[in-house]
Amino acid sequence: MGQWLAQQAYYVGEGKVQAHLYKVSYYPAICRGDAWVEGDIYACQDNIWPFLDEFEETTGEHPEYERRLTPVLLTTGQVLEAWVYWYLRSTENLTRLV
């Protein structure tokens, strides 16, 4: 998915959101929190979102993530609204990374 997405999107820059970062398995997840989680920001066409939503399991009876517009602070100091996938399941038994 990462290679396919790299062909569909372009890099905007580095940024961070207020959240907590957890290790779910081999992949991370973020939930609401008061820490800063850093990451890379990409832009893509609207027709890409259904593929990403399916990959991130945002549908079904018990979705794993929800995509929400979220304020993101870029390293340039600019704040923008970006789509972020927020983890919906319990973090009780997960390792918190940030």
Protein backbone atom coordinates (compact mmCIF):
# COMPACT_ATOMS: atom_id res chain seq x y z
CA MET A 1 0.00 0.00 0.00
CA GLY A 2 2.86 2.37 0.79
CA GLN A 3 4.37 2.04 -2.68
CA TRP A 4 1.00 2.49 -4.38
CA LEU A 5 0.21 5.54 -2.24
CA ALA A 6 3.59 7.09 -3.03
CA GLN A 7 2.57 7.06 -6.70
CA GLN A 8 -0.84 8.60 -5.96
CA ALA A 9 0.08 11.35 -3.51
CA TYR A 10 2.66 14.06 -3.10
CA TYR A 11 4.66 14.95 -0.03
CA VAL A 12 3.59 18.15 1.76
CA GLY A 13 5.99 18.10 4.71
CA GLU A 14 6.43 17.07 8.31
CA GLY A 15 3.85 17.87 10.92
CA LYS A 16 2.41 16.87 14.24
CA VAL A 17 -0.95 16.38 15.92
CA GLN A 18 -1.97 16.31 19.55
CA ALA A 19 -2.57 12.66 20.30
CA HIS A 20 -1.18 9.54 21.92
CA LEU A 21 0.60 6.96 19.78
CA TYR A 22 0.18 3.23 20.44
CA LYS A 23 1.65 0.05 19.03
CA VAL A 24 -1.26 -2.14 17.92
CA SER A 25 0.70 -4.92 16.26
CA TYR A 26 3.18 -4.30 13.48
CA TYR A 27 1.46 -0.93 12.91
CA PRO A 28 0.83 2.19 15.02
CA ALA A 29 -2.39 3.92 15.96
CA ILE A 30 -3.22 7.33 17.36
CA CYS A 31 -5.93 8.31 19.83
CA ARG A 32 -6.87 11.61 21.39
CA GLY A 33 -4.26 12.78 23.85
CA ASP A 34 -2.16 15.69 25.04
CA ALA A 35 1.22 14.64 23.61
CA TRP A 36 2.54 15.56 20.16
CA VAL A 37 2.78 12.81 17.56
CA GLU A 38 4.96 13.61 14.56
CA GLY A 39 4.46 12.32 11.05
CA ASP A 40 4.58 13.02 7.34
CA ILE A 41 1.80 14.87 5.54
CA TYR A 42 0.72 13.87 2.03
CA ALA A 43 -1.90 15.28 -0.33
CA CYS A 44 -3.93 13.17 -2.73
CA GLN A 45 -6.93 13.35 -5.01
CA ASP A 46 -10.39 12.71 -3.53
CA ASN A 47 -10.76 9.47 -5.52
CA ILE A 48 -7.96 7.90 -3.42
CA TRP A 49 -9.83 8.12 -0.11
CA PRO A 50 -12.18 5.15 -0.65
CA PHE A 51 -9.13 2.88 -1.15
CA LEU A 52 -7.43 4.26 1.96
CA ASP A 53 -10.65 3.98 3.99
CA GLU A 54 -10.93 0.32 3.04
CA PHE A 55 -7.27 -0.34 3.86
CA GLU A 56 -7.63 1.39 7.24
CA GLU A 57 -10.83 -0.54 8.02
CA THR A 58 -13.13 2.46 8.53
CA THR A 59 -16.31 0.59 7.62
CA GLY A 60 -18.23 -2.40 8.87
CA GLU A 61 -19.85 -3.24 12.16
CA HIS A 62 -16.70 -2.62 14.25
CA PRO A 63 -14.37 -0.29 12.34
CA GLU A 64 -10.80 0.00 13.54
CA TYR A 65 -10.34 3.63 12.48
CA GLU A 66 -12.31 6.76 11.72
CA ARG A 67 -11.04 9.41 9.31
CA ARG A 68 -11.52 12.93 10.72
CA LEU A 69 -10.38 16.39 9.70
CA THR A 70 -7.80 17.36 12.30
CA PRO A 71 -5.63 20.44 12.90
CA VAL A 72 -2.03 19.59 11.99
CA LEU A 73 0.93 21.80 12.92
CA LEU A 74 3.54 21.80 10.15
CA THR A 75 7.22 22.32 10.96
CA THR A 76 6.91 25.66 9.14
CA GLY A 77 4.51 26.83 11.87
CA GLN A 78 1.51 26.72 9.55
CA VAL A 79 -1.62 24.95 10.81
CA LEU A 80 -3.78 23.10 8.33
CA GLU A 81 -6.76 20.79 8.49
CA ALA A 82 -5.82 17.32 7.31
CA TRP A 83 -7.52 13.95 7.23
CA VAL A 84 -6.21 11.75 10.05
CA TYR A 85 -7.14 8.16 10.83
CA TRP A 86 -8.03 7.91 14.53
CA TYR A 87 -8.03 4.54 16.29
CA LEU A 88 -11.46 3.57 17.65
CA ARG A 89 -10.75 0.42 19.64
CA SER A 90 -9.62 0.01 23.23
CA THR A 91 -6.00 0.87 24.01
CA GLU A 92 -6.10 -0.87 27.39
CA ASN A 93 -3.65 -3.65 26.45
CA LEU A 94 -1.60 -1.66 23.93
CA THR A 95 1.87 -0.23 24.46
CA ARG A 96 1.85 3.56 24.46
CA LEU A 97 4.77 4.96 22.44
CA VAL A 98 4.06 8.72 22.82
